[in-house]
N, C-alpha and C. Protein backbone atom coordinates (compact mmCIF):
# COMPACT_ATOMS: atom_id res chain seq x y z
N UNK A 1 4.52 16.94 -18.02
CA UNK A 1 4.27 15.64 -17.89
C UNK A 1 4.67 14.73 -19.03
N UNK A 2 5.92 15.02 -19.52
CA UNK A 2 6.66 14.17 -20.56
C UNK A 2 6.91 12.88 -20.18
N UNK A 3 7.11 12.79 -18.70
CA UNK A 3 7.73 11.43 -18.52
C UNK A 3 6.92 10.22 -18.51
N UNK A 4 7.33 9.34 -18.39
CA UNK A 4 6.75 7.95 -18.58
C UNK A 4 5.58 7.86 -17.67
N UNK A 5 5.61 7.88 -16.53
CA UNK A 5 4.52 7.99 -15.66
C UNK A 5 3.43 8.90 -16.25
N UNK A 6 3.61 10.03 -16.70
CA UNK A 6 2.80 10.98 -17.24
C UNK A 6 2.02 10.41 -18.54
N UNK A 7 2.67 9.95 -19.35
CA UNK A 7 2.24 9.02 -20.31
C UNK A 7 1.38 8.01 -20.02
N UNK A 8 1.58 7.15 -19.32
CA UNK A 8 0.86 6.16 -18.61
C UNK A 8 -0.43 6.65 -18.07
N UNK A 9 -0.50 7.73 -17.42
CA UNK A 9 -1.46 8.28 -16.83
C UNK A 9 -2.60 8.69 -17.85
N UNK A 10 -1.98 9.41 -18.80
CA UNK A 10 -2.70 9.98 -19.85
C UNK A 10 -3.46 8.81 -20.65
N UNK A 11 -2.71 7.79 -21.22
CA UNK A 11 -3.30 6.46 -21.59
C UNK A 11 -4.38 5.89 -20.86
N UNK A 12 -4.44 5.89 -19.59
CA UNK A 12 -5.06 5.15 -18.45
C UNK A 12 -6.55 6.03 -18.62
N UNK A 13 -6.49 7.30 -18.69
CA UNK A 13 -7.59 8.00 -18.73
C UNK A 13 -8.31 8.22 -20.13
N UNK A 14 -7.47 7.64 -21.25
CA UNK A 14 -8.17 7.55 -22.69
C UNK A 14 -9.07 6.15 -22.52
N UNK A 15 -10.14 6.29 -23.39
CA UNK A 15 -11.06 5.01 -24.06
C UNK A 15 -10.17 3.80 -24.13
N UNK A 16 -9.21 3.82 -24.61
CA UNK A 16 -8.42 2.60 -24.94
C UNK A 16 -7.76 2.12 -23.72
N UNK A 17 -7.37 3.09 -22.99
CA UNK A 17 -6.82 2.64 -21.79
C UNK A 17 -7.76 2.09 -20.67
N UNK A 18 -8.83 2.65 -20.59
CA UNK A 18 -9.86 2.12 -19.81
C UNK A 18 -10.61 0.76 -20.22
N UNK A 19 -10.32 0.56 -21.41
CA UNK A 19 -10.87 -0.62 -21.93
C UNK A 19 -9.58 -1.72 -21.58
N UNK A 20 -8.42 -1.46 -21.75
CA UNK A 20 -7.14 -2.34 -21.34
C UNK A 20 -7.21 -2.26 -19.96
N UNK A 21 -7.49 -1.51 -19.20
CA UNK A 21 -7.62 -1.78 -17.84
C UNK A 21 -8.73 -2.85 -17.10
N UNK A 22 -9.74 -2.67 -17.89
CA UNK A 22 -11.11 -3.40 -17.71
C UNK A 22 -10.85 -5.03 -18.19
N UNK A 23 -10.23 -5.25 -19.28
CA UNK A 23 -9.96 -6.51 -19.47
C UNK A 23 -8.69 -7.04 -18.67
N UNK A 24 -7.84 -6.13 -18.32
CA UNK A 24 -6.82 -6.58 -17.13
C UNK A 24 -7.55 -7.31 -15.98
N UNK A 25 -8.42 -6.50 -15.58
CA UNK A 25 -9.19 -6.82 -14.14
C UNK A 25 -9.99 -8.05 -14.51
N UNK A 26 -10.52 -8.32 -15.46
CA UNK A 26 -11.24 -9.59 -15.61
C UNK A 26 -10.29 -10.56 -15.83
N UNK A 27 -9.18 -10.42 -16.63
CA UNK A 27 -8.16 -11.56 -16.50
C UNK A 27 -7.73 -11.87 -15.27
N UNK A 28 -7.35 -11.09 -14.49
CA UNK A 28 -6.73 -10.90 -13.04
C UNK A 28 -7.90 -11.85 -12.12
N UNK A 29 -9.26 -11.82 -12.56
CA UNK A 29 -10.11 -12.27 -11.49
C UNK A 29 -10.43 -13.78 -11.85
N UNK A 30 -9.87 -14.23 -12.99
CA UNK A 30 -10.16 -15.51 -13.51
C UNK A 30 -9.26 -16.69 -12.38
N UNK A 31 -9.61 -17.61 -11.91
CA UNK A 31 -8.84 -18.44 -11.12
C UNK A 31 -7.72 -19.02 -11.78
N UNK A 32 -7.94 -19.60 -13.02
CA UNK A 32 -6.87 -19.99 -13.88
C UNK A 32 -5.70 -19.29 -13.92
N UNK A 33 -6.04 -18.10 -14.26
CA UNK A 33 -4.64 -17.10 -14.39
C UNK A 33 -4.23 -16.73 -13.21
N UNK A 34 -4.89 -16.72 -12.13
CA UNK A 34 -4.41 -16.48 -10.82
C UNK A 34 -3.46 -17.53 -10.27
N UNK A 35 -3.68 -18.80 -10.70
CA UNK A 35 -2.97 -19.89 -10.36
C UNK A 35 -1.88 -20.02 -11.23
N UNK A 36 -1.79 -19.40 -12.34
CA UNK A 36 -0.59 -19.15 -13.26
C UNK A 36 0.37 -18.03 -12.82
N UNK A 37 -0.32 -17.07 -12.20
CA UNK A 37 0.40 -15.90 -11.78
C UNK A 37 1.35 -16.15 -10.57
N UNK A 38 0.31 -17.02 -9.54
CA UNK A 38 1.10 -17.51 -8.23
C UNK A 38 2.13 -18.42 -8.51
N UNK A 39 2.32 -18.89 -9.38
CA UNK A 39 3.54 -20.08 -9.76
C UNK A 39 4.65 -19.28 -10.42
N UNK A 40 4.41 -18.29 -11.15
CA UNK A 40 5.40 -17.35 -11.65
C UNK A 40 5.91 -16.63 -10.56
N UNK A 41 4.87 -16.07 -9.62
CA UNK A 41 5.69 -15.20 -8.65
C UNK A 41 6.39 -15.86 -7.68
N UNK A 42 6.15 -17.32 -7.28
CA UNK A 42 6.91 -18.36 -6.59
C UNK A 42 8.33 -18.52 -7.04
N UNK A 43 8.29 -18.87 -8.46
CA UNK A 43 9.83 -19.01 -9.14
C UNK A 43 10.31 -17.83 -9.04
N UNK A 44 9.85 -16.60 -9.24
CA UNK A 44 10.80 -15.27 -9.13
C UNK A 44 11.23 -15.24 -7.61
N UNK A 45 10.26 -15.58 -6.82
CA UNK A 45 10.89 -15.13 -5.52
C UNK A 45 11.68 -16.35 -4.81
N UNK A 46 11.72 -17.54 -5.41
CA UNK A 46 12.71 -18.50 -5.14
C UNK A 46 14.05 -18.38 -5.50
N UNK A 47 13.97 -17.42 -6.44
CA UNK A 47 15.70 -17.61 -7.22
C UNK A 47 16.53 -16.74 -6.31
N UNK A 48 15.89 -16.01 -5.26
CA UNK A 48 17.04 -15.08 -4.45
C UNK A 48 17.57 -15.93 -3.30
N UNK A 49 17.00 -17.30 -2.96
CA UNK A 49 17.69 -17.78 -2.08
C UNK A 49 18.84 -18.52 -2.23
N UNK A 50 19.58 -18.88 -1.09
CA UNK A 50 20.95 -19.61 -1.13
C UNK A 50 20.48 -21.07 -1.24
N UNK A 51 21.52 -21.95 -1.77
CA UNK A 51 21.22 -23.29 -2.05
C UNK A 51 20.82 -23.99 -0.82
N UNK A 52 21.16 -23.64 0.24
CA UNK A 52 20.86 -24.39 1.54
C UNK A 52 19.62 -24.13 2.12
N UNK A 53 18.80 -23.61 1.63
CA UNK A 53 17.43 -22.88 2.33
C UNK A 53 16.56 -23.97 2.30
N UNK A 54 15.65 -24.07 3.55
CA UNK A 54 14.86 -25.17 3.65
C UNK A 54 13.77 -25.55 2.53
N UNK A 55 13.53 -26.62 2.27
CA UNK A 55 12.64 -26.84 1.35
C UNK A 55 13.04 -26.51 -0.29
N UNK A 56 14.12 -26.27 -0.52
CA UNK A 56 14.67 -25.95 -1.78
C UNK A 56 15.95 -27.07 -2.15
N UNK A 57 15.89 -27.77 -3.24
CA UNK A 57 16.64 -28.89 -3.57
C UNK A 57 18.03 -27.88 -3.91
N UNK A 58 19.01 -28.46 -3.55
CA UNK A 58 20.60 -27.82 -3.87
C UNK A 58 20.71 -27.84 -5.38
N UNK A 59 21.38 -26.87 -5.83
CA UNK A 59 21.57 -26.45 -7.11
C UNK A 59 22.78 -27.03 -7.81
């Protein structure tokens, strides 16, 4: 289990990892953070479109 995923799994089971997961879940449930994340995801998804896509201004 020397790979990256193995190391992540070991960290997730540690007390520090459990605390980090709990903190991330709390942050993810905050409506303000959800709105920020939705905006970022929208920007990233919009980059793959061609310039003539409906609803997107030409570049």
